[in-house]
Amino acid sequence: MSTSSTNTLGKYQIIREIARSNDIVYEAIDPSINRRVALKELSIPPNLDGAQRRERIERFWREGKAAGRLSHPNIVTIFEVGKDGDRHFIAMEFLEG
């Protein structure tokens, strides 16, 4: 799969796109500590009106914050929920496979 139109999102350097469905998931590097992460970027369909867009963004942030409060060996660790310009993302533990 291809990389994004830019090779960074927030502080993260995108290596490659690894999945795409409702949102886009990248393999990326956190350059401050040289850690590989999975970076989930919110994808908003262009046909949504303003209220629908806001709800989609709010839901994405709720998801990231809720997952970030969890601690379990079978759940990936959330490192950051963030925004870079108009792009929203969740940085999480990268798992092979």
PDB file of N, CA and C in Angstrom:
ATOM      1  N   MET A   1       0.841  -1.169   0.000  1.00  0.00           N
ATOM      2  CA  MET A   1       0.000   0.000   0.000  1.00  0.00           C
ATOM      3  C   MET A   1       0.886   1.232   0.000  1.00  0.00           C
ATOM      4  N   SER A   2       0.336   2.336  -0.340  1.00  0.00           N
ATOM      5  CA  SER A   2       1.130   3.556  -0.475  1.00  0.00           C
ATOM      6  C   SER A   2       1.168   4.332   0.829  1.00  0.00           C
ATOM      7  N   THR A   3       2.057   5.319   0.872  1.00  0.00           N
ATOM      8  CA  THR A   3       2.085   6.213   2.025  1.00  0.00           C
ATOM      9  C   THR A   3       1.155   7.381   1.757  1.00  0.00           C
ATOM     10  N   SER A   4       0.945   8.166   2.773  1.00  0.00           N
ATOM     11  CA  SER A   4       0.106   9.353   2.679  1.00  0.00           C
ATOM     12  C   SER A   4       0.761  10.379   1.767  1.00  0.00           C
ATOM     13  N   SER A   5       0.003  11.435   1.423  1.00  0.00           N
ATOM     14  CA  SER A   5       0.564  12.488   0.578  1.00  0.00           C
ATOM     15  C   SER A   5       1.723  13.190   1.276  1.00  0.00           C
ATOM     16  N   THR A   6       1.743  13.172   2.600  1.00  0.00           N
ATOM     17  CA  THR A   6       2.901  13.656   3.346  1.00  0.00           C
ATOM     18  C   THR A   6       3.466  12.468   4.106  1.00  0.00           C
ATOM     19  N   ASN A   7       4.729  12.546   4.450  1.00  0.00           N
ATOM     20  CA  ASN A   7       5.364  11.426   5.135  1.00  0.00           C
ATOM     21  C   ASN A   7       5.390  11.585   6.643  1.00  0.00           C
ATOM     22  N   THR A   8       4.683  12.593   7.157  1.00  0.00           N
ATOM     23  CA  THR A   8       4.585  12.765   8.599  1.00  0.00           C
ATOM     24  C   THR A   8       3.136  13.032   8.989  1.00  0.00           C
ATOM     25  N   LEU A   9       2.838  12.691  10.225  1.00  0.00           N
ATOM     26  CA  LEU A   9       1.543  13.004  10.820  1.00  0.00           C
ATOM     27  C   LEU A   9       1.839  13.286  12.285  1.00  0.00           C
ATOM     28  N   GLY A  10       1.639  14.535  12.694  1.00  0.00           N
ATOM     29  CA  GLY A  10       2.102  14.940  14.016  1.00  0.00           C
ATOM     30  C   GLY A  10       3.609  14.800  14.046  1.00  0.00           C
ATOM     31  N   LYS A  11       4.129  14.238  15.112  1.00  0.00           N
ATOM     32  CA  LYS A  11       5.578  14.037  15.215  1.00  0.00           C
ATOM     33  C   LYS A  11       6.034  12.735  14.569  1.00  0.00           C
ATOM     34  N   TYR A  12       5.109  11.952  14.035  1.00  0.00           N
ATOM     35  CA  TYR A  12       5.404  10.605  13.559  1.00  0.00           C
ATOM     36  C   TYR A  12       5.813  10.595  12.089  1.00  0.00           C
ATOM     37  N   GLN A  13       6.810   9.788  11.776  1.00  0.00           N
ATOM     38  CA  GLN A  13       7.267   9.611  10.397  1.00  0.00           C
ATOM     39  C   GLN A  13       6.607   8.354   9.842  1.00  0.00           C
ATOM     40  N   ILE A  14       5.797   8.529   8.809  1.00  0.00           N
ATOM     41  CA  ILE A  14       5.071   7.405   8.230  1.00  0.00           C
ATOM     42  C   ILE A  14       6.015   6.558   7.387  1.00  0.00           C
ATOM     43  N   ILE A  15       5.976   5.247   7.625  1.00  0.00           N
ATOM     44  CA  ILE A  15       6.769   4.300   6.851  1.00  0.00           C
ATOM     45  C   ILE A  15       5.941   3.748   5.698  1.00  0.00           C
ATOM     46  N   ARG A  16       4.725   3.271   6.018  1.00  0.00           N
ATOM     47  CA  ARG A  16       3.869   2.698   4.973  1.00  0.00           C
ATOM     48  C   ARG A  16       2.435   2.587   5.484  1.00  0.00           C
ATOM     49  N   GLU A  17       1.508   2.520   4.540  1.00  0.00           N
ATOM     50  CA  GLU A  17       0.116   2.262   4.878  1.00  0.00           C
ATOM     51  C   GLU A  17      -0.035   0.763   5.048  1.00  0.00           C
ATOM     52  N   ILE A  18      -0.690   0.334   6.129  1.00  0.00           N
ATOM     53  CA  ILE A  18      -0.848  -1.103   6.351  1.00  0.00           C
ATOM     54  C   ILE A  18      -2.302  -1.558   6.315  1.00  0.00           C
ATOM     55  N   ALA A  19      -3.253  -0.650   6.409  1.00  0.00           N
ATOM     56  CA  ALA A  19      -4.666  -1.031   6.336  1.00  0.00           C
ATOM     57  C   ALA A  19      -5.512   0.193   6.018  1.00  0.00           C
ATOM     58  N   ARG A  20      -6.648  -0.083   5.368  1.00  0.00           N
ATOM     59  CA  ARG A  20      -7.587   0.990   5.041  1.00  0.00           C
ATOM     60  C   ARG A  20      -8.991   0.397   5.048  1.00  0.00           C
ATOM     61  N   SER A  21      -9.855   0.991   5.851  1.00  0.00           N
ATOM     62  CA  SER A  21     -11.277   0.641   5.850  1.00  0.00           C
ATOM     63  C   SER A  21     -12.025   1.933   6.138  1.00  0.00           C
ATOM     64  N   ASN A  22     -12.657   2.051   7.298  1.00  0.00           N
ATOM     65  CA  ASN A  22     -13.265   3.339   7.653  1.00  0.00           C
ATOM     66  C   ASN A  22     -12.201   4.390   7.910  1.00  0.00           C
ATOM     67  N   ASP A  23     -11.054   3.954   8.421  1.00  0.00           N
ATOM     68  CA  ASP A  23      -9.927   4.840   8.700  1.00  0.00           C
ATOM     69  C   ASP A  23      -8.682   4.260   8.037  1.00  0.00           C
ATOM     70  N   ILE A  24      -7.558   4.937   8.167  1.00  0.00           N
ATOM     71  CA  ILE A  24      -6.306   4.497   7.545  1.00  0.00           C
ATOM     72  C   ILE A  24      -5.311   4.200   8.660  1.00  0.00           C
ATOM     73  N   VAL A  25      -4.616   3.071   8.551  1.00  0.00           N
ATOM     74  CA  VAL A  25      -3.613   2.709   9.549  1.00  0.00           C
ATOM     75  C   VAL A  25      -2.251   2.650   8.870  1.00  0.00           C
ATOM     76  N   TYR A  26      -1.285   3.314   9.496  1.00  0.00           N
ATOM     77  CA  TYR A  26       0.084   3.355   8.989  1.00  0.00           C
ATOM     78  C   TYR A  26       1.033   2.697   9.982  1.00  0.00           C
ATOM     79  N   GLU A  27       2.115   2.179   9.465  1.00  0.00           N
ATOM     80  CA  GLU A  27       3.269   1.866  10.294  1.00  0.00           C
ATOM     81  C   GLU A  27       4.084   3.148  10.314  1.00  0.00           C
ATOM     82  N   ALA A  28       4.513   3.565  11.486  1.00  0.00           N
ATOM     83  CA  ALA A  28       5.227   4.835  11.611  1.00  0.00           C
ATOM     84  C   ALA A  28       6.287   4.729  12.699  1.00  0.00           C
ATOM     85  N   ILE A  29       7.107   5.760  12.776  1.00  0.00           N
ATOM     86  CA  ILE A  29       8.160   5.846  13.784  1.00  0.00           C
ATOM     87  C   ILE A  29       7.948   7.111  14.611  1.00  0.00           C
ATOM     88  N   ASP A  30       8.062   6.960  15.926  1.00  0.00           N
ATOM     89  CA  ASP A  30       8.111   8.116  16.817  1.00  0.00           C
ATOM     90  C   ASP A  30       9.588   8.488  16.905  1.00  0.00           C
ATOM     91  N   PRO A  31      10.017   9.557  16.219  1.00  0.00           N
ATOM     92  CA  PRO A  31      11.447   9.860  16.145  1.00  0.00           C
ATOM     93  C   PRO A  31      12.064  10.302  17.468  1.00  0.00           C
ATOM     94  N   SER A  32      11.244  10.762  18.401  1.00  0.00           N
ATOM     95  CA  SER A  32      11.809  11.227  19.670  1.00  0.00           C
ATOM     96  C   SER A  32      12.382  10.083  20.498  1.00  0.00           C
ATOM     97  N   ILE A  33      11.835   8.873  20.334  1.00  0.00           N
ATOM     98  CA  ILE A  33      12.361   7.720  21.071  1.00  0.00           C
ATOM     99  C   ILE A  33      12.623   6.523  20.156  1.00  0.00           C
ATOM    100  N   ASN A  34      12.558   6.760  18.850  1.00  0.00           N
ATOM    101  CA  ASN A  34      12.830   5.722  17.849  1.00  0.00           C
ATOM    102  C   ASN A  34      11.987   4.468  18.094  1.00  0.00           C
ATOM    103  N   ARG A  35      10.680   4.678  18.321  1.00  0.00           N
ATOM    104  CA  ARG A  35       9.758   3.574  18.572  1.00  0.00           C
ATOM    105  C   ARG A  35       8.825   3.416  17.379  1.00  0.00           C
ATOM    106  N   ARG A  36       8.627   2.172  16.960  1.00  0.00           N
ATOM    107  CA  ARG A  36       7.683   1.881  15.889  1.00  0.00           C
ATOM    108  C   ARG A  36       6.272   1.900  16.473  1.00  0.00           C
ATOM    109  N   VAL A  37       5.348   2.545  15.776  1.00  0.00           N
ATOM    110  CA  VAL A  37       3.963   2.657  16.236  1.00  0.00           C
ATOM    111  C   VAL A  37       3.012   2.347  15.086  1.00  0.00           C
ATOM    112  N   ALA A  38       1.788   2.018  15.448  1.00  0.00           N
ATOM    113  CA  ALA A  38       0.690   1.981  14.489  1.00  0.00           C
ATOM    114  C   ALA A  38      -0.020   3.318  14.641  1.00  0.00           C
ATOM    115  N   LEU A  39      -0.274   3.959  13.530  1.00  0.00           N
ATOM    116  CA  LEU A  39      -0.869   5.289  13.528  1.00  0.00           C
ATOM    117  C   LEU A  39      -2.190   5.216  12.768  1.00  0.00           C
ATOM    118  N   LYS A  40      -3.287   5.400  13.485  1.00  0.00           N
ATOM    119  CA  LYS A  40      -4.617   5.342  12.881  1.00  0.00           C
ATOM    120  C   LYS A  40      -5.069   6.763  12.586  1.00  0.00           C
ATOM    121  N   GLU A  41      -5.317   7.044  11.306  1.00  0.00           N
ATOM    122  CA  GLU A  41      -5.771   8.378  10.900  1.00  0.00           C
ATOM    123  C   GLU A  41      -7.259   8.341  10.583  1.00  0.00           C
ATOM    124  N   LEU A  42      -7.981   9.296  11.129  1.00  0.00           N
ATOM    125  CA  LEU A  42      -9.405   9.423  10.859  1.00  0.00           C
ATOM    126  C   LEU A  42      -9.620   9.745   9.388  1.00  0.00           C
ATOM    127  N   SER A  43     -10.530   9.011   8.765  1.00  0.00           N
ATOM    128  CA  SER A  43     -10.908   9.277   7.379  1.00  0.00           C
ATOM    129  C   SER A  43     -12.373   9.710   7.379  1.00  0.00           C
ATOM    130  N   ILE A  44     -12.628  10.919   6.909  1.00  0.00           N
ATOM    131  CA  ILE A  44     -13.991  11.457   6.902  1.00  0.00           C
ATOM    132  C   ILE A  44     -14.507  11.478   5.467  1.00  0.00           C
ATOM    133  N   PRO A  45     -15.603  10.764   5.197  1.00  0.00           N
ATOM    134  CA  PRO A  45     -16.169  10.794   3.847  1.00  0.00           C
ATOM    135  C   PRO A  45     -16.531  12.225   3.441  1.00  0.00           C
ATOM    136  N   PRO A  46     -16.251  12.605   2.202  1.00  0.00           N
ATOM    137  CA  PRO A  46     -16.484  13.987   1.761  1.00  0.00           C
ATOM    138  C   PRO A  46     -17.957  14.389   1.704  1.00  0.00           C
ATOM    139  N   ASN A  47     -18.864  13.418   1.694  1.00  0.00           N
ATOM    140  CA  ASN A  47     -20.287  13.743   1.566  1.00  0.00           C
ATOM    141  C   ASN A  47     -20.957  14.067   2.903  1.00  0.00           C
ATOM    142  N   LEU A  48     -20.228  14.033   4.013  1.00  0.00           N
ATOM    143  CA  LEU A  48     -20.833  14.339   5.312  1.00  0.00           C
ATOM    144  C   LEU A  48     -21.017  15.844   5.481  1.00  0.00           C
ATOM    145  N   ASP A  49     -22.143  16.236   6.105  1.00  0.00           N
ATOM    146  CA  ASP A  49     -22.345  17.656   6.399  1.00  0.00           C
ATOM    147  C   ASP A  49     -21.576  18.022   7.669  1.00  0.00           C
ATOM    148  N   GLY A  50     -21.614  19.285   8.049  1.00  0.00           N
ATOM    149  CA  GLY A  50     -20.838  19.767   9.186  1.00  0.00           C
ATOM    150  C   GLY A  50     -21.125  19.032  10.487  1.00  0.00           C
ATOM    151  N   ALA A  51     -22.401  18.813  10.790  1.00  0.00           N
ATOM    152  CA  ALA A  51     -22.767  18.126  12.033  1.00  0.00           C
ATOM    153  C   ALA A  51     -22.286  16.679  12.018  1.00  0.00           C
ATOM    154  N   GLN A  52     -22.412  16.023  10.877  1.00  0.00           N
ATOM    155  CA  GLN A  52     -21.955  14.637  10.763  1.00  0.00           C
ATOM    156  C   GLN A  52     -20.433  14.549  10.892  1.00  0.00           C
ATOM    157  N   ARG A  53     -19.732  15.515  10.311  1.00  0.00           N
ATOM    158  CA  ARG A  53     -18.264  15.545  10.414  1.00  0.00           C
ATOM    159  C   ARG A  53     -17.839  15.720  11.876  1.00  0.00           C
ATOM    160  N   ARG A  54     -18.482  16.656  12.570  1.00  0.00           N
ATOM    161  CA  ARG A  54     -18.151  16.890  13.980  1.00  0.00           C
ATOM    162  C   ARG A  54     -18.406  15.635  14.817  1.00  0.00           C
ATOM    163  N   GLU A  55     -19.528  14.965  14.565  1.00  0.00           N
ATOM    164  CA  GLU A  55     -19.853  13.738  15.305  1.00  0.00           C
ATOM    165  C   GLU A  55     -18.816  12.648  15.032  1.00  0.00           C
ATOM    166  N   ARG A  56     -18.391  12.519  13.792  1.00  0.00           N
ATOM    167  CA  ARG A  56     -17.373  11.506  13.434  1.00  0.00           C
ATOM    168  C   ARG A  56     -16.060  11.808  14.153  1.00  0.00           C
ATOM    169  N   ILE A  57     -15.676  13.080  14.193  1.00  0.00           N
ATOM    170  CA  ILE A  57     -14.442  13.481  14.884  1.00  0.00           C
ATOM    171  C   ILE A  57     -14.569  13.227  16.386  1.00  0.00           C
ATOM    172  N   GLU A  58     -15.693  13.609  16.984  1.00  0.00           N
ATOM    173  CA  GLU A  58     -15.906  13.396  18.420  1.00  0.00           C
ATOM    174  C   GLU A  58     -15.871  11.913  18.769  1.00  0.00           C
ATOM    175  N   ARG A  59     -16.478  11.075  17.930  1.00  0.00           N
ATOM    176  CA  ARG A  59     -16.491   9.630  18.164  1.00  0.00           C
ATOM    177  C   ARG A  59     -15.075   9.056  18.110  1.00  0.00           C
ATOM    178  N   PHE A  60     -14.281   9.528  17.146  1.00  0.00           N
ATOM    179  CA  PHE A  60     -12.893   9.081  17.001  1.00  0.00           C
ATOM    180  C   PHE A  60     -12.091   9.422  18.263  1.00  0.00           C
ATOM    181  N   TRP A  61     -12.248  10.642  18.770  1.00  0.00           N
ATOM    182  CA  TRP A  61     -11.531  11.058  19.983  1.00  0.00           C
ATOM    183  C   TRP A  61     -12.006  10.270  21.202  1.00  0.00           C
ATOM    184  N   ARG A  62     -13.316  10.019  21.306  1.00  0.00           N
ATOM    185  CA  ARG A  62     -13.825   9.203  22.423  1.00  0.00           C
ATOM    186  C   ARG A  62     -13.225   7.806  22.381  1.00  0.00           C
ATOM    187  N   GLU A  63     -13.150   7.238  21.170  1.00  0.00           N
ATOM    188  CA  GLU A  63     -12.554   5.909  21.000  1.00  0.00           C
ATOM    189  C   GLU A  63     -11.108   5.897  21.498  1.00  0.00           C
ATOM    190  N   GLY A  64     -10.323   6.864  21.065  1.00  0.00           N
ATOM    191  CA  GLY A  64      -8.918   6.925  21.461  1.00  0.00           C
ATOM    192  C   GLY A  64      -8.739   7.107  22.956  1.00  0.00           C
ATOM    193  N   LYS A  65      -9.530   8.001  23.536  1.00  0.00           N
ATOM    194  CA  LYS A  65      -9.422   8.250  24.978  1.00  0.00           C
ATOM    195  C   LYS A  65      -9.873   7.040  25.790  1.00  0.00           C
ATOM    196  N   ALA A  66     -10.953   6.394  25.365  1.00  0.00           N
ATOM    197  CA  ALA A  66     -11.440   5.208  26.081  1.00  0.00           C
ATOM    198  C   ALA A  66     -10.413   4.081  26.004  1.00  0.00           C
ATOM    199  N   ALA A  67      -9.871   3.846  24.824  1.00  0.00           N
ATOM    200  CA  ALA A  67      -8.862   2.792  24.664  1.00  0.00           C
ATOM    201  C   ALA A  67      -7.601   3.126  25.453  1.00  0.00           C
ATOM    202  N   GLY A  68      -7.280   4.401  25.561  1.00  0.00           N
ATOM    203  CA  GLY A  68      -6.097   4.821  26.295  1.00  0.00           C
ATOM    204  C   GLY A  68      -6.190   4.584  27.794  1.00  0.00           C
ATOM    205  N   ARG A  69      -7.398   4.464  28.307  1.00  0.00           N
ATOM    206  CA  ARG A  69      -7.581   4.203  29.739  1.00  0.00           C
ATOM    207  C   ARG A  69      -7.475   2.718  30.074  1.00  0.00           C
ATOM    208  N   LEU A  70      -7.478   1.867  29.052  1.00  0.00           N
ATOM    209  CA  LEU A  70      -7.443   0.424  29.281  1.00  0.00           C
ATOM    210  C   LEU A  70      -6.016  -0.070  29.461  1.00  0.00           C
ATOM    211  N   SER A  71      -5.871  -1.076  30.284  1.00  0.00           N
ATOM    212  CA  SER A  71      -4.568  -1.698  30.490  1.00  0.00           C
ATOM    213  C   SER A  71      -4.781  -3.199  30.612  1.00  0.00           C
ATOM    214  N   HIS A  72      -4.376  -3.929  29.578  1.00  0.00           N
ATOM    215  CA  HIS A  72      -4.551  -5.380  29.551  1.00  0.00           C
ATOM    216  C   HIS A  72      -3.542  -5.952  28.574  1.00  0.00           C
ATOM    217  N   PRO A  73      -2.973  -7.119  28.860  1.00  0.00           N
ATOM    218  CA  PRO A  73      -1.965  -7.703  27.962  1.00  0.00           C
ATOM    219  C   PRO A  73      -2.471  -7.965  26.541  1.00  0.00           C
ATOM    220  N   ASN A  74      -3.777  -8.123  26.362  1.00  0.00           N
ATOM    221  CA  ASN A  74      -4.334  -8.420  25.041  1.00  0.00           C
ATOM    222  C   ASN A  74      -4.898  -7.195  24.327  1.00  0.00           C
ATOM    223  N   ILE A  75      -4.628  -6.009  24.855  1.00  0.00           N
ATOM    224  CA  ILE A  75      -5.097  -4.767  24.234  1.00  0.00           C
ATOM    225  C   ILE A  75      -3.885  -3.888  23.959  1.00  0.00           C
ATOM    226  N   VAL A  76      -3.790  -3.354  22.741  1.00  0.00           N
ATOM    227  CA  VAL A  76      -2.644  -2.496  22.415  1.00  0.00           C
ATOM    228  C   VAL A  76      -2.668  -1.238  23.282  1.00  0.00           C
ATOM    229  N   THR A  77      -1.483  -0.748  23.571  1.00  0.00           N
ATOM    230  CA  THR A  77      -1.328   0.468  24.364  1.00  0.00           C
ATOM    231  C   THR A  77      -1.488   1.693  23.473  1.00  0.00           C
ATOM    232  N   ILE A  78      -2.279   2.657  23.917  1.00  0.00           N
ATOM    233  CA  ILE A  78      -2.440   3.924  23.205  1.00  0.00           C
ATOM    234  C   ILE A  78      -1.397   4.889  23.745  1.00  0.00           C
ATOM    235  N   PHE A  79      -0.623   5.493  22.839  1.00  0.00           N
ATOM    236  CA  PHE A  79       0.409   6.442  23.238  1.00  0.00           C
ATOM    237  C   PHE A  79      -0.064   7.891  23.146  1.00  0.00           C
ATOM    238  N   GLU A  80      -0.915   8.177  22.160  1.00  0.00           N
ATOM    239  CA  GLU A  80      -1.340   9.568  21.950  1.00  0.00           C
ATOM    240  C   GLU A  80      -2.597   9.602  21.096  1.00  0.00           C
ATOM    241  N   VAL A  81      -3.473  10.543  21.403  1.00  0.00           N
ATOM    242  CA  VAL A  81      -4.583  10.917  20.526  1.00  0.00           C
ATOM    243  C   VAL A  81      -4.295  12.360  20.160  1.00  0.00           C
ATOM    244  N   GLY A  82      -4.214  12.644  18.857  1.00  0.00           N
ATOM    245  CA  GLY A  82      -3.781  13.978  18.483  1.00  0.00           C
ATOM    246  C   GLY A  82      -4.370  14.493  17.192  1.00  0.00           C
ATOM    247  N   LYS A  83      -3.948  15.706  16.865  1.00  0.00           N
ATOM    248  CA  LYS A  83      -4.424  16.404  15.671  1.00  0.00           C
ATOM    249  C   LYS A  83      -3.238  17.121  15.049  1.00  0.00           C
ATOM    250  N   ASP A  84      -3.158  17.053  13.734  1.00  0.00           N
ATOM    251  CA  ASP A  84      -2.123  17.751  12.970  1.00  0.00           C
ATOM    252  C   ASP A  84      -2.848  18.503  11.858  1.00  0.00           C
ATOM    253  N   GLY A  85      -3.078  19.786  12.039  1.00  0.00           N
ATOM    254  CA  GLY A  85      -3.902  20.536  11.087  1.00  0.00           C
ATOM    255  C   GLY A  85      -5.325  20.005  11.154  1.00  0.00           C
ATOM    256  N   ASP A  86      -5.852  19.560  10.019  1.00  0.00           N
ATOM    257  CA  ASP A  86      -7.197  18.981   9.962  1.00  0.00           C
ATOM    258  C   ASP A  86      -7.185  17.464  10.088  1.00  0.00           C
ATOM    259  N   ARG A  87      -6.035  16.885  10.336  1.00  0.00           N
ATOM    260  CA  ARG A  87      -5.893  15.427  10.402  1.00  0.00           C
ATOM    261  C   ARG A  87      -5.867  14.966  11.865  1.00  0.00           C
ATOM    262  N   HIS A  88      -6.720  13.996  12.181  1.00  0.00           N
ATOM    263  CA  HIS A  88      -6.828  13.458  13.533  1.00  0.00           C
ATOM    264  C   HIS A  88      -6.226  12.058  13.542  1.00  0.00           C
ATOM    265  N   PHE A  89      -5.540  11.699  14.642  1.00  0.00           N
ATOM    266  CA  PHE A  89      -4.873  10.399  14.668  1.00  0.00           C
ATOM    267  C   PHE A  89      -4.810   9.822  16.076  1.00  0.00           C
ATOM    268  N   ILE A  90      -4.608   8.506  16.113  1.00  0.00           N
ATOM    269  CA  ILE A  90      -4.342   7.780  17.352  1.00  0.00           C
ATOM    270  C   ILE A  90      -3.048   7.014  17.133  1.00  0.00           C
ATOM    271  N   ALA A  91      -2.060   7.247  17.994  1.00  0.00           N
ATOM    272  CA  ALA A  91      -0.791   6.513  17.935  1.00  0.00           C
ATOM    273  C   ALA A  91      -0.855   5.402  18.971  1.00  0.00           C
ATOM    274  N   MET A  92      -0.539   4.189  18.536  1.00  0.00           N
ATOM    275  CA  MET A  92      -0.648   3.035  19.426  1.00  0.00           C
ATOM    276  C   MET A  92       0.485   2.055  19.201  1.00  0.00           C
ATOM    277  N   GLU A  93       0.568   1.113  20.101  1.00  0.00           N
ATOM    278  CA  GLU A  93       1.557   0.049  20.024  1.00  0.00           C
ATOM    279  C   GLU A  93       1.448  -0.661  18.673  1.00  0.00           C
ATOM    280  N   PHE A  94       2.591  -0.926  18.048  1.00  0.00           N
ATOM    281  CA  PHE A  94       2.623  -1.636  16.769  1.00  0.00           C
ATOM    282  C   PHE A  94       2.815  -3.121  17.040  1.00  0.00           C
ATOM    283  N   LEU A  95       1.965  -3.946  16.444  1.00  0.00           N
ATOM    284  CA  LEU A  95       2.092  -5.394  16.553  1.00  0.00           C
ATOM    285  C   LEU A  95       2.296  -5.984  15.169  1.00  0.00           C
ATOM    286  N   GLU A  96       3.267  -6.856  15.015  1.00  0.00           N
ATOM    287  CA  GLU A  96       3.493  -7.540  13.733  1.00  0.00           C
ATOM    288  C   GLU A  96       2.316  -8.449  13.422  1.00  0.00           C
ATOM    289  N   GLY A  97       2.048  -8.603  12.118  1.00  0.00           N
ATOM    290  CA  GLY A  97       1.044  -9.574  11.693  1.00  0.00           C
ATOM    291  C   GLY A  97      -0.250  -8.956  11.476  1.00  0.00           C
TER     292      GLY A  97
END
